């Protein structure tokens, strides 16, 4: 009898605990449903002749045009340059940011003075919390042809005879976005690497020191192999996000003079979707981008699992 009462009591307690957990989860679940699941019905616009004047009801009442929006997209003369810019900017950014961020995290881990280490972390984290309007505006001032600091230094060193219009020359745009993104996100991007390094078994370092291994050898043979999983996950995320650009960053630096190298998928969606009110075309672009991103994610994960036995799934 006592055992039966005990089981009933435990069942009641477990049920109460589960209800409390469900109550805690409810707000987040409701937000996901409202802002992530319900909006998926809007993807129907990509296959319809949707008109903005029809409102929300038009999503379900507009006539179907099958794949007309996608055909217009892929036949558009802007499509290949736009795709090239999107992939090129992301590839350059990843090739620059991933190794530099990893190297920064490794070097920061070797700093023994805690106050100096905290100072470096604080200084490098701060730009992440600035908007691209502020951060980009600062760099536009530095790169300005009218007494800009960069042009002043180049002219004083005799490297150029006249100010260089960095933002007016399309050939510089990719490098400007890659360098500014690195400077803004260096400290923030190193957080995951630093956290992974903190979990490395310290006995491995002690054993290596006894064997005479220096700092760089310990980093190469202990630290990097120990955080291989984190590195590969970051690489997979970077590859899967090859079609995503920071819209605000691109839009801040973009102008009519560098449009040939600055027009990317995100700005293309903004141009057609909001400014020209072609919601069907913009939705088709976004849907195509999401499908390709999923393909890149699965492909990168499969290659990572095959080569390093490490992956997301």
C-alpha atoms as a PDB file:
ATOM      1  CA  UNK A   1       0.000   0.000   0.000  1.00  0.00           C
ATOM      2  CA  UNK A   2       2.817   2.385   0.891  1.00  0.00           C
ATOM      3  CA  UNK A   3       4.559   1.578  -2.393  1.00  0.00           C
ATOM      4  CA  UNK A   4       1.370   2.367  -4.344  1.00  0.00           C
ATOM      5  CA  UNK A   5       0.916   5.706  -2.555  1.00  0.00           C
ATOM      6  CA  UNK A   6       4.581   6.518  -3.203  1.00  0.00           C
ATOM      7  CA  UNK A   7       4.168   5.856  -6.923  1.00  0.00           C
ATOM      8  CA  UNK A   8       1.027   8.018  -7.059  1.00  0.00           C
ATOM      9  CA  UNK A   9       2.897  10.809  -5.229  1.00  0.00           C
ATOM     10  CA  UNK A  10       5.886  10.570  -7.598  1.00  0.00           C
ATOM     11  CA  UNK A  11       3.557  10.591 -10.617  1.00  0.00           C
ATOM     12  CA  UNK A  12       1.865  13.735  -9.313  1.00  0.00           C
ATOM     13  CA  UNK A  13       5.198  15.436  -8.679  1.00  0.00           C
ATOM     14  CA  UNK A  14       6.518  14.485 -12.128  1.00  0.00           C
ATOM     15  CA  UNK A  15       3.339  15.751 -13.753  1.00  0.00           C
ATOM     16  CA  UNK A  16       3.587  19.010 -11.849  1.00  0.00           C
ATOM     17  CA  UNK A  17       7.232  19.399 -12.859  1.00  0.00           C
ATOM     18  CA  UNK A  18       6.377  18.728 -16.502  1.00  0.00           C
ATOM     19  CA  UNK A  19       3.594  21.323 -16.411  1.00  0.00           C
ATOM     20  CA  UNK A  20       6.006  23.875 -14.994  1.00  0.00           C
ATOM     21  CA  UNK A  21       8.503  23.112 -17.744  1.00  0.00           C
ATOM     22  CA  UNK A  22       5.824  23.370 -20.414  1.00  0.00           C
ATOM     23  CA  UNK A  23       4.721  26.713 -18.942  1.00  0.00           C
ATOM     24  CA  UNK A  24       8.301  27.990 -19.159  1.00  0.00           C
ATOM     25  CA  UNK A  25       8.582  26.783 -22.756  1.00  0.00           C
ATOM     26  CA  UNK A  26       5.202  28.199 -23.862  1.00  0.00           C
ATOM     27  CA  UNK A  27       6.243  31.858 -24.528  1.00  0.00           C
ATOM     28  CA  UNK A  28       9.151  30.824 -26.727  1.00  0.00           C
ATOM     29  CA  UNK A  29       7.043  28.231 -28.546  1.00  0.00           C
ATOM     30  CA  UNK A  30       4.308  30.776 -29.223  1.00  0.00           C
ATOM     31  CA  UNK A  31       6.847  33.257 -30.614  1.00  0.00           C
ATOM     32  CA  UNK A  32       8.352  30.594 -32.890  1.00  0.00           C
ATOM     33  CA  UNK A  33       4.909  29.695 -34.209  1.00  0.00           C
ATOM     34  CA  UNK A  34       3.949  33.329 -34.778  1.00  0.00           C
ATOM     35  CA  UNK A  35       7.164  34.551 -36.374  1.00  0.00           C
ATOM     36  CA  UNK A  36       8.724  31.422 -37.915  1.00  0.00           C
ATOM     37  CA  UNK A  37       5.990  28.928 -38.834  1.00  0.00           C
ATOM     38  CA  UNK A  38       2.951  31.021 -39.774  1.00  0.00           C
ATOM     39  CA  UNK A  39       4.993  33.299 -42.105  1.00  0.00           C
ATOM     40  CA  UNK A  40       5.953  30.200 -44.119  1.00  0.00           C
ATOM     41  CA  UNK A  41       2.556  30.469 -45.832  1.00  0.00           C
ATOM     42  CA  UNK A  42       3.978  33.579 -47.488  1.00  0.00           C
ATOM     43  CA  UNK A  43       6.193  31.330 -49.623  1.00  0.00           C
ATOM     44  CA  UNK A  44       3.114  30.728 -51.776  1.00  0.00           C
ATOM     45  CA  UNK A  45       3.693  34.210 -53.221  1.00  0.00           C
ATOM     46  CA  UNK A  46       6.714  32.857 -55.112  1.00  0.00           C
ATOM     47  CA  UNK A  47       4.349  30.757 -57.253  1.00  0.00           C
ATOM     48  CA  UNK A  48       1.599  33.362 -57.718  1.00  0.00           C
ATOM     49  CA  UNK A  49       0.828  36.607 -59.516  1.00  0.00           C
ATOM     50  CA  UNK A  50       0.550  38.407 -56.203  1.00  0.00           C
ATOM     51  CA  UNK A  51      -0.452  42.065 -55.999  1.00  0.00           C
ATOM     52  CA  UNK A  52       0.277  44.048 -52.814  1.00  0.00           C
ATOM     53  CA  UNK A  53      -3.159  45.684 -52.926  1.00  0.00           C
ATOM     54  CA  UNK A  54      -4.754  42.283 -52.267  1.00  0.00           C
ATOM     55  CA  UNK A  55      -3.236  42.201 -48.784  1.00  0.00           C
ATOM     56  CA  UNK A  56      -2.845  39.053 -46.713  1.00  0.00           C
ATOM     57  CA  UNK A  57      -5.882  37.452 -48.318  1.00  0.00           C
ATOM     58  CA  UNK A  58      -4.118  37.668 -51.661  1.00  0.00           C
ATOM     59  CA  UNK A  59      -1.655  35.003 -50.515  1.00  0.00           C
ATOM     60  CA  UNK A  60      -4.464  32.448 -50.779  1.00  0.00           C
ATOM     61  CA  UNK A  61      -6.538  34.007 -53.585  1.00  0.00           C
ATOM     62  CA  UNK A  62      -3.947  35.179 -56.138  1.00  0.00           C
ATOM     63  CA  UNK A  63      -3.774  33.222 -59.424  1.00  0.00           C
ATOM     64  CA  UNK A  64      -0.997  30.654 -59.772  1.00  0.00           C
ATOM     65  CA  UNK A  65       1.826  31.265 -62.247  1.00  0.00           C
ATOM     66  CA  UNK A  66       3.793  28.116 -61.382  1.00  0.00           C
ATOM     67  CA  UNK A  67       7.525  28.841 -61.841  1.00  0.00           C
ATOM     68  CA  UNK A  68       7.247  32.091 -63.788  1.00  0.00           C
ATOM     69  CA  UNK A  69       8.985  34.157 -61.082  1.00  0.00           C
ATOM     70  CA  UNK A  70      11.887  31.695 -60.947  1.00  0.00           C
ATOM     71  CA  UNK A  71      12.267  31.738 -64.742  1.00  0.00           C
ATOM     72  CA  UNK A  72      12.376  35.534 -64.727  1.00  0.00           C
ATOM     73  CA  UNK A  73      14.962  35.410 -61.947  1.00  0.00           C
ATOM     74  CA  UNK A  74      17.329  32.946 -63.608  1.00  0.00           C
ATOM     75  CA  UNK A  75      17.029  34.649 -67.023  1.00  0.00           C
ATOM     76  CA  UNK A  76      17.664  38.104 -65.599  1.00  0.00           C
ATOM     77  CA  UNK A  77      20.984  39.564 -66.740  1.00  0.00           C
ATOM     78  CA  UNK A  78      21.638  40.675 -63.152  1.00  0.00           C
ATOM     79  CA  UNK A  79      21.425  37.145 -61.759  1.00  0.00           C
ATOM     80  CA  UNK A  80      24.938  35.842 -62.527  1.00  0.00           C
ATOM     81  CA  UNK A  81      26.765  39.048 -61.436  1.00  0.00           C
ATOM     82  CA  UNK A  82      24.634  39.111 -58.287  1.00  0.00           C
ATOM     83  CA  UNK A  83      25.448  35.462 -57.521  1.00  0.00           C
ATOM     84  CA  UNK A  84      29.135  36.045 -58.237  1.00  0.00           C
ATOM     85  CA  UNK A  85      29.256  39.014 -55.863  1.00  0.00           C
ATOM     86  CA  UNK A  86      27.407  37.129 -53.135  1.00  0.00           C
ATOM     87  CA  UNK A  87      29.699  34.102 -53.284  1.00  0.00           C
ATOM     88  CA  UNK A  88      32.853  36.172 -53.819  1.00  0.00           C
ATOM     89  CA  UNK A  89      32.294  38.474 -50.859  1.00  0.00           C
ATOM     90  CA  UNK A  90      31.443  35.574 -48.549  1.00  0.00           C
ATOM     91  CA  UNK A  91      34.358  33.431 -49.739  1.00  0.00           C
ATOM     92  CA  UNK A  92      36.845  36.262 -49.246  1.00  0.00           C
ATOM     93  CA  UNK A  93      35.335  37.094 -45.868  1.00  0.00           C
ATOM     94  CA  UNK A  94      35.522  33.458 -44.678  1.00  0.00           C
ATOM     95  CA  UNK A  95      39.065  32.924 -45.963  1.00  0.00           C
ATOM     96  CA  UNK A  96      40.114  36.020 -44.041  1.00  0.00           C
ATOM     97  CA  UNK A  97      37.998  35.850 -40.892  1.00  0.00           C
ATOM     98  CA  UNK A  98      38.148  32.148 -39.929  1.00  0.00           C
ATOM     99  CA  UNK A  99      41.958  31.756 -39.726  1.00  0.00           C
ATOM    100  CA  UNK A 100      42.520  35.245 -38.300  1.00  0.00           C
ATOM    101  CA  UNK A 101      39.841  34.780 -35.636  1.00  0.00           C
ATOM    102  CA  UNK A 102      41.253  31.372 -34.712  1.00  0.00           C
ATOM    103  CA  UNK A 103      44.785  32.775 -34.527  1.00  0.00           C
ATOM    104  CA  UNK A 104      43.560  35.676 -32.380  1.00  0.00           C
ATOM    105  CA  UNK A 105      41.873  33.258 -29.962  1.00  0.00           C
ATOM    106  CA  UNK A 106      45.046  31.146 -29.730  1.00  0.00           C
ATOM    107  CA  UNK A 107      47.210  34.199 -29.068  1.00  0.00           C
ATOM    108  CA  UNK A 108      44.763  35.593 -26.529  1.00  0.00           C
ATOM    109  CA  UNK A 109      44.806  32.283 -24.678  1.00  0.00           C
ATOM    110  CA  UNK A 110      48.573  32.632 -24.275  1.00  0.00           C
ATOM    111  CA  UNK A 111      48.319  36.025 -22.524  1.00  0.00           C
ATOM    112  CA  UNK A 112      49.190  35.446 -18.871  1.00  0.00           C
ATOM    113  CA  UNK A 113      48.363  38.912 -17.506  1.00  0.00           C
ATOM    114  CA  UNK A 114      44.639  38.685 -16.702  1.00  0.00           C
ATOM    115  CA  UNK A 115      44.088  42.476 -16.681  1.00  0.00           C
ATOM    116  CA  UNK A 116      45.754  42.918 -20.058  1.00  0.00           C
ATOM    117  CA  UNK A 117      43.805  39.958 -21.428  1.00  0.00           C
ATOM    118  CA  UNK A 118      40.515  41.452 -20.200  1.00  0.00           C
ATOM    119  CA  UNK A 119      41.425  44.787 -21.784  1.00  0.00           C
ATOM    120  CA  UNK A 120      42.087  43.165 -25.161  1.00  0.00           C
ATOM    121  CA  UNK A 121      38.832  41.219 -24.982  1.00  0.00           C
ATOM    122  CA  UNK A 122      36.830  44.328 -24.085  1.00  0.00           C
ATOM    123  CA  UNK A 123      38.355  46.430 -26.867  1.00  0.00           C
ATOM    124  CA  UNK A 124      37.818  43.762 -29.515  1.00  0.00           C
ATOM    125  CA  UNK A 125      34.260  42.940 -28.350  1.00  0.00           C
ATOM    126  CA  UNK A 126      33.032  46.553 -28.365  1.00  0.00           C
ATOM    127  CA  UNK A 127      32.718  47.060 -32.173  1.00  0.00           C
ATOM    128  CA  UNK A 128      30.267  44.137 -32.354  1.00  0.00           C
ATOM    129  CA  UNK A 129      27.700  46.168 -30.417  1.00  0.00           C
ATOM    130  CA  UNK A 130      27.920  49.144 -32.771  1.00  0.00           C
ATOM    131  CA  UNK A 131      25.460  49.312 -35.652  1.00  0.00           C
ATOM    132  CA  UNK A 132      26.816  49.176 -39.184  1.00  0.00           C
ATOM    133  CA  UNK A 133      25.454  52.670 -39.736  1.00  0.00           C
ATOM    134  CA  UNK A 134      27.867  53.973 -37.093  1.00  0.00           C
ATOM    135  CA  UNK A 135      30.760  51.606 -37.776  1.00  0.00           C
ATOM    136  CA  UNK A 136      30.411  51.899 -41.550  1.00  0.00           C
ATOM    137  CA  UNK A 137      30.105  55.666 -41.337  1.00  0.00           C
ATOM    138  CA  UNK A 138      33.369  55.766 -39.414  1.00  0.00           C
ATOM    139  CA  UNK A 139      35.164  53.826 -42.148  1.00  0.00           C
ATOM    140  CA  UNK A 140      33.587  55.941 -44.868  1.00  0.00           C
ATOM    141  CA  UNK A 141      35.126  58.946 -43.145  1.00  0.00           C
ATOM    142  CA  UNK A 142      38.516  57.209 -42.884  1.00  0.00           C
ATOM    143  CA  UNK A 143      38.413  56.248 -46.587  1.00  0.00           C
ATOM    144  CA  UNK A 144      37.122  59.611 -47.766  1.00  0.00           C
ATOM    145  CA  UNK A 145      38.967  61.408 -50.561  1.00  0.00           C
ATOM    146  CA  UNK A 146      38.428  64.671 -48.674  1.00  0.00           C
ATOM    147  CA  UNK A 147      41.092  64.611 -45.937  1.00  0.00           C
ATOM    148  CA  UNK A 148      40.406  60.966 -45.096  1.00  0.00           C
ATOM    149  CA  UNK A 149      42.999  59.442 -42.765  1.00  0.00           C
ATOM    150  CA  UNK A 150      43.840  56.514 -45.077  1.00  0.00           C
ATOM    151  CA  UNK A 151      44.399  58.730 -48.119  1.00  0.00           C
ATOM    152  CA  UNK A 152      46.386  61.213 -46.043  1.00  0.00           C
ATOM    153  CA  UNK A 153      48.742  58.458 -44.877  1.00  0.00           C
ATOM    154  CA  UNK A 154      49.140  57.031 -48.391  1.00  0.00           C
ATOM    155  CA  UNK A 155      49.906  60.455 -49.851  1.00  0.00           C
ATOM    156  CA  UNK A 156      52.352  61.395 -47.086  1.00  0.00           C
ATOM    157  CA  UNK A 157      54.200  58.109 -47.635  1.00  0.00           C
ATOM    158  CA  UNK A 158      54.369  58.796 -51.359  1.00  0.00           C
ATOM    159  CA  UNK A 159      52.423  55.665 -52.291  1.00  0.00           C
ATOM    160  CA  UNK A 160      49.801  57.616 -54.266  1.00  0.00           C
ATOM    161  CA  UNK A 161      49.847  61.000 -55.974  1.00  0.00           C
ATOM    162  CA  UNK A 162      46.163  61.793 -55.473  1.00  0.00           C
ATOM    163  CA  UNK A 163      43.395  60.564 -53.152  1.00  0.00           C
ATOM    164  CA  UNK A 164      41.995  57.141 -53.980  1.00  0.00           C
ATOM    165  CA  UNK A 165      38.228  56.805 -54.165  1.00  0.00           C
ATOM    166  CA  UNK A 166      37.995  53.461 -52.406  1.00  0.00           C
ATOM    167  CA  UNK A 167      34.202  53.442 -52.296  1.00  0.00           C
ATOM    168  CA  UNK A 168      33.954  54.690 -55.880  1.00  0.00           C
ATOM    169  CA  UNK A 169      36.143  51.906 -57.292  1.00  0.00           C
ATOM    170  CA  UNK A 170      34.329  48.552 -57.688  1.00  0.00           C
ATOM    171  CA  UNK A 171      37.604  46.605 -57.396  1.00  0.00           C
ATOM    172  CA  UNK A 172      38.031  47.640 -53.765  1.00  0.00           C
ATOM    173  CA  UNK A 173      34.513  46.818 -52.529  1.00  0.00           C
ATOM    174  CA  UNK A 174      35.022  43.126 -51.687  1.00  0.00           C
ATOM    175  CA  UNK A 175      38.148  43.894 -49.660  1.00  0.00           C
ATOM    176  CA  UNK A 176      36.443  46.760 -47.836  1.00  0.00           C
ATOM    177  CA  UNK A 177      33.573  44.522 -46.736  1.00  0.00           C
ATOM    178  CA  UNK A 178      35.911  41.693 -45.707  1.00  0.00           C
ATOM    179  CA  UNK A 179      38.290  43.895 -43.696  1.00  0.00           C
ATOM    180  CA  UNK A 180      35.561  45.919 -41.968  1.00  0.00           C
ATOM    181  CA  UNK A 181      33.629  42.750 -41.104  1.00  0.00           C
ATOM    182  CA  UNK A 182      36.783  41.223 -39.615  1.00  0.00           C
ATOM    183  CA  UNK A 183      37.536  44.296 -37.511  1.00  0.00           C
ATOM    184  CA  UNK A 184      33.973  44.526 -36.254  1.00  0.00           C
ATOM    185  CA  UNK A 185      33.479  40.841 -35.398  1.00  0.00           C
ATOM    186  CA  UNK A 186      37.009  39.710 -34.452  1.00  0.00           C
ATOM    187  CA  UNK A 187      36.523  39.650 -30.696  1.00  0.00           C
ATOM    188  CA  UNK A 188      32.963  38.360 -30.850  1.00  0.00           C
ATOM    189  CA  UNK A 189      33.849  35.588 -33.282  1.00  0.00           C
ATOM    190  CA  UNK A 190      36.667  34.402 -31.039  1.00  0.00           C
ATOM    191  CA  UNK A 191      34.317  33.699 -28.098  1.00  0.00           C
ATOM    192  CA  UNK A 192      33.481  30.145 -29.197  1.00  0.00           C
ATOM    193  CA  UNK A 193      37.123  29.304 -29.830  1.00  0.00           C
ATOM    194  CA  UNK A 194      38.163  30.698 -26.440  1.00  0.00           C
ATOM    195  CA  UNK A 195      35.414  28.716 -24.715  1.00  0.00           C
ATOM    196  CA  UNK A 196      36.527  25.534 -26.505  1.00  0.00           C
ATOM    197  CA  UNK A 197      40.168  26.153 -25.587  1.00  0.00           C
ATOM    198  CA  UNK A 198      39.174  26.593 -21.944  1.00  0.00           C
ATOM    199  CA  UNK A 199      37.830  23.029 -21.971  1.00  0.00           C
ATOM    200  CA  UNK A 200      41.096  21.433 -23.090  1.00  0.00           C
ATOM    201  CA  UNK A 201      42.612  19.111 -20.476  1.00  0.00           C
ATOM    202  CA  UNK A 202      45.426  21.020 -18.769  1.00  0.00           C
ATOM    203  CA  UNK A 203      47.299  17.800 -18.049  1.00  0.00           C
ATOM    204  CA  UNK A 204      48.040  17.530 -21.768  1.00  0.00           C
ATOM    205  CA  UNK A 205      49.845  20.876 -21.650  1.00  0.00           C
ATOM    206  CA  UNK A 206      51.769  19.874 -18.543  1.00  0.00           C
ATOM    207  CA  UNK A 207      52.893  16.627 -20.149  1.00  0.00           C
ATOM    208  CA  UNK A 208      53.958  18.485 -23.287  1.00  0.00           C
ATOM    209  CA  UNK A 209      55.913  21.018 -21.234  1.00  0.00           C
ATOM    210  CA  UNK A 210      57.748  18.199 -19.467  1.00  0.00           C
ATOM    211  CA  UNK A 211      58.665  16.795 -22.893  1.00  0.00           C
ATOM    212  CA  UNK A 212      60.080  20.189 -23.866  1.00  0.00           C
ATOM    213  CA  UNK A 213      57.325  21.412 -26.195  1.00  0.00           C
ATOM    214  CA  UNK A 214      57.192  25.191 -26.606  1.00  0.00           C
ATOM    215  CA  UNK A 215      54.076  27.342 -26.834  1.00  0.00           C
ATOM    216  CA  UNK A 216      53.633  27.057 -30.579  1.00  0.00           C
ATOM    217  CA  UNK A 217      54.111  23.298 -30.541  1.00  0.00           C
ATOM    218  CA  UNK A 218      51.542  22.994 -27.755  1.00  0.00           C
ATOM    219  CA  UNK A 219      49.112  25.068 -29.787  1.00  0.00           C
ATOM    220  CA  UNK A 220      49.724  23.033 -32.940  1.00  0.00           C
ATOM    221  CA  UNK A 221      49.721  19.541 -31.445  1.00  0.00           C
ATOM    222  CA  UNK A 222      47.323  19.956 -28.499  1.00  0.00           C
ATOM    223  CA  UNK A 223      45.088  23.027 -28.724  1.00  0.00           C
ATOM    224  CA  UNK A 224      44.086  22.894 -32.385  1.00  0.00           C
ATOM    225  CA  UNK A 225      43.392  19.110 -32.465  1.00  0.00           C
ATOM    226  CA  UNK A 226      41.409  19.426 -29.228  1.00  0.00           C
ATOM    227  CA  UNK A 227      39.101  22.109 -30.649  1.00  0.00           C
ATOM    228  CA  UNK A 228      38.832  20.502 -34.097  1.00  0.00           C
ATOM    229  CA  UNK A 229      35.118  19.892 -33.609  1.00  0.00           C
ATOM    230  CA  UNK A 230      34.437  23.574 -32.921  1.00  0.00           C
ATOM    231  CA  UNK A 231      36.544  24.644 -35.901  1.00  0.00           C
ATOM    232  CA  UNK A 232      34.735  22.309 -38.278  1.00  0.00           C
ATOM    233  CA  UNK A 233      31.318  23.407 -37.023  1.00  0.00           C
ATOM    234  CA  UNK A 234      32.262  27.029 -37.667  1.00  0.00           C
ATOM    235  CA  UNK A 235      33.485  26.099 -41.156  1.00  0.00           C
ATOM    236  CA  UNK A 236      30.216  24.261 -41.883  1.00  0.00           C
ATOM    237  CA  UNK A 237      28.192  27.260 -40.729  1.00  0.00           C
ATOM    238  CA  UNK A 238      30.344  29.542 -42.882  1.00  0.00           C
ATOM    239  CA  UNK A 239      29.821  27.383 -45.988  1.00  0.00           C
ATOM    240  CA  UNK A 240      26.076  27.058 -45.404  1.00  0.00           C
ATOM    241  CA  UNK A 241      25.865  30.848 -45.072  1.00  0.00           C
ATOM    242  CA  UNK A 242      27.681  31.552 -48.333  1.00  0.00           C
ATOM    243  CA  UNK A 243      24.516  33.031 -49.824  1.00  0.00           C
ATOM    244  CA  UNK A 244      23.825  35.304 -46.852  1.00  0.00           C
ATOM    245  CA  UNK A 245      25.402  38.734 -46.661  1.00  0.00           C
ATOM    246  CA  UNK A 246      25.148  41.326 -43.950  1.00  0.00           C
ATOM    247  CA  UNK A 247      22.529  43.503 -45.636  1.00  0.00           C
ATOM    248  CA  UNK A 248      23.168  46.560 -43.481  1.00  0.00           C
ATOM    249  CA  UNK A 249      26.918  46.450 -44.106  1.00  0.00           C
ATOM    250  CA  UNK A 250      26.517  46.094 -47.868  1.00  0.00           C
ATOM    251  CA  UNK A 251      23.825  48.753 -48.042  1.00  0.00           C
ATOM    252  CA  UNK A 252      25.913  51.270 -46.090  1.00  0.00           C
ATOM    253  CA  UNK A 253      28.913  50.951 -48.424  1.00  0.00           C
ATOM    254  CA  UNK A 254      26.929  50.481 -51.637  1.00  0.00           C
ATOM    255  CA  UNK A 255      26.541  53.297 -54.154  1.00  0.00           C
ATOM    256  CA  UNK A 256      25.882  53.737 -57.861  1.00  0.00           C
ATOM    257  CA  UNK A 257      29.617  53.700 -58.661  1.00  0.00           C
ATOM    258  CA  UNK A 258      30.402  50.310 -57.090  1.00  0.00           C
ATOM    259  CA  UNK A 259      27.051  48.621 -57.823  1.00  0.00           C
ATOM    260  CA  UNK A 260      28.701  46.180 -60.239  1.00  0.00           C
ATOM    261  CA  UNK A 261      30.511  44.461 -57.339  1.00  0.00           C
ATOM    262  CA  UNK A 262      28.187  45.343 -54.459  1.00  0.00           C
ATOM    263  CA  UNK A 263      24.832  44.042 -55.724  1.00  0.00           C
ATOM    264  CA  UNK A 264      24.187  40.840 -53.759  1.00  0.00           C
ATOM    265  CA  UNK A 265      21.143  38.637 -53.202  1.00  0.00           C
ATOM    266  CA  UNK A 266      20.004  40.468 -50.069  1.00  0.00           C
ATOM    267  CA  UNK A 267      20.132  43.918 -51.679  1.00  0.00           C
ATOM    268  CA  UNK A 268      18.480  42.456 -54.780  1.00  0.00           C
ATOM    269  CA  UNK A 269      15.570  41.216 -52.641  1.00  0.00           C
ATOM    270  CA  UNK A 270      15.277  44.652 -51.041  1.00  0.00           C
ATOM    271  CA  UNK A 271      15.345  46.367 -54.435  1.00  0.00           C
ATOM    272  CA  UNK A 272      12.651  44.202 -56.005  1.00  0.00           C
ATOM    273  CA  UNK A 273      10.600  43.404 -52.912  1.00  0.00           C
ATOM    274  CA  UNK A 274      10.315  46.732 -51.121  1.00  0.00           C
ATOM    275  CA  UNK A 275      11.228  49.434 -53.595  1.00  0.00           C
ATOM    276  CA  UNK A 276       9.546  47.983 -56.679  1.00  0.00           C
ATOM    277  CA  UNK A 277       6.841  46.063 -54.761  1.00  0.00           C
ATOM    278  CA  UNK A 278       7.517  42.853 -56.704  1.00  0.00           C
ATOM    279  CA  UNK A 279       6.855  40.584 -53.768  1.00  0.00           C
ATOM    280  CA  UNK A 280       6.538  37.450 -55.907  1.00  0.00           C
ATOM    281  CA  UNK A 281       9.988  37.927 -57.424  1.00  0.00           C
ATOM    282  CA  UNK A 282      11.558  38.773 -54.062  1.00  0.00           C
ATOM    283  CA  UNK A 283       9.975  35.713 -52.439  1.00  0.00           C
ATOM    284  CA  UNK A 284      11.239  33.516 -55.281  1.00  0.00           C
ATOM    285  CA  UNK A 285      14.773  34.828 -54.740  1.00  0.00           C
ATOM    286  CA  UNK A 286      14.569  34.220 -50.991  1.00  0.00           C
ATOM    287  CA  UNK A 287      13.184  30.709 -51.457  1.00  0.00           C
ATOM    288  CA  UNK A 288      15.868  29.791 -54.009  1.00  0.00           C
ATOM    289  CA  UNK A 289      18.517  31.109 -51.631  1.00  0.00           C
ATOM    290  CA  UNK A 290      17.161  29.024 -48.746  1.00  0.00           C
ATOM    291  CA  UNK A 291      17.124  25.831 -50.835  1.00  0.00           C
ATOM    292  CA  UNK A 292      20.704  26.390 -52.010  1.00  0.00           C
ATOM    293  CA  UNK A 293      21.784  27.145 -48.431  1.00  0.00           C
ATOM    294  CA  UNK A 294      20.290  23.823 -47.302  1.00  0.00           C
ATOM    295  CA  UNK A 295      22.182  22.021 -50.078  1.00  0.00           C
ATOM    296  CA  UNK A 296      25.430  23.724 -49.037  1.00  0.00           C
ATOM    297  CA  UNK A 297      24.825  22.824 -45.384  1.00  0.00           C
ATOM    298  CA  UNK A 298      24.214  19.133 -46.124  1.00  0.00           C
ATOM    299  CA  UNK A 299      27.138  18.984 -48.541  1.00  0.00           C
ATOM    300  CA  UNK A 300      29.579  20.653 -46.160  1.00  0.00           C
ATOM    301  CA  UNK A 301      28.433  18.427 -43.300  1.00  0.00           C
ATOM    302  CA  UNK A 302      28.856  15.281 -45.400  1.00  0.00           C
ATOM    303  CA  UNK A 303      32.371  16.261 -46.520  1.00  0.00           C
ATOM    304  CA  UNK A 304      33.313  17.155 -42.949  1.00  0.00           C
ATOM    305  CA  UNK A 305      32.053  13.806 -41.635  1.00  0.00           C
ATOM    306  CA  UNK A 306      33.983  11.966 -44.321  1.00  0.00           C
ATOM    307  CA  UNK A 307      37.286  13.825 -43.903  1.00  0.00           C
ATOM    308  CA  UNK A 308      37.375  14.594 -40.173  1.00  0.00           C
ATOM    309  CA  UNK A 309      34.663  12.382 -38.619  1.00  0.00           C
ATOM    310  CA  UNK A 310      33.151  15.618 -37.291  1.00  0.00           C
ATOM    311  CA  UNK A 311      29.876  17.251 -38.265  1.00  0.00           C
ATOM    312  CA  UNK A 312      26.585  18.723 -37.154  1.00  0.00           C
ATOM    313  CA  UNK A 313      24.650  15.519 -37.845  1.00  0.00           C
END
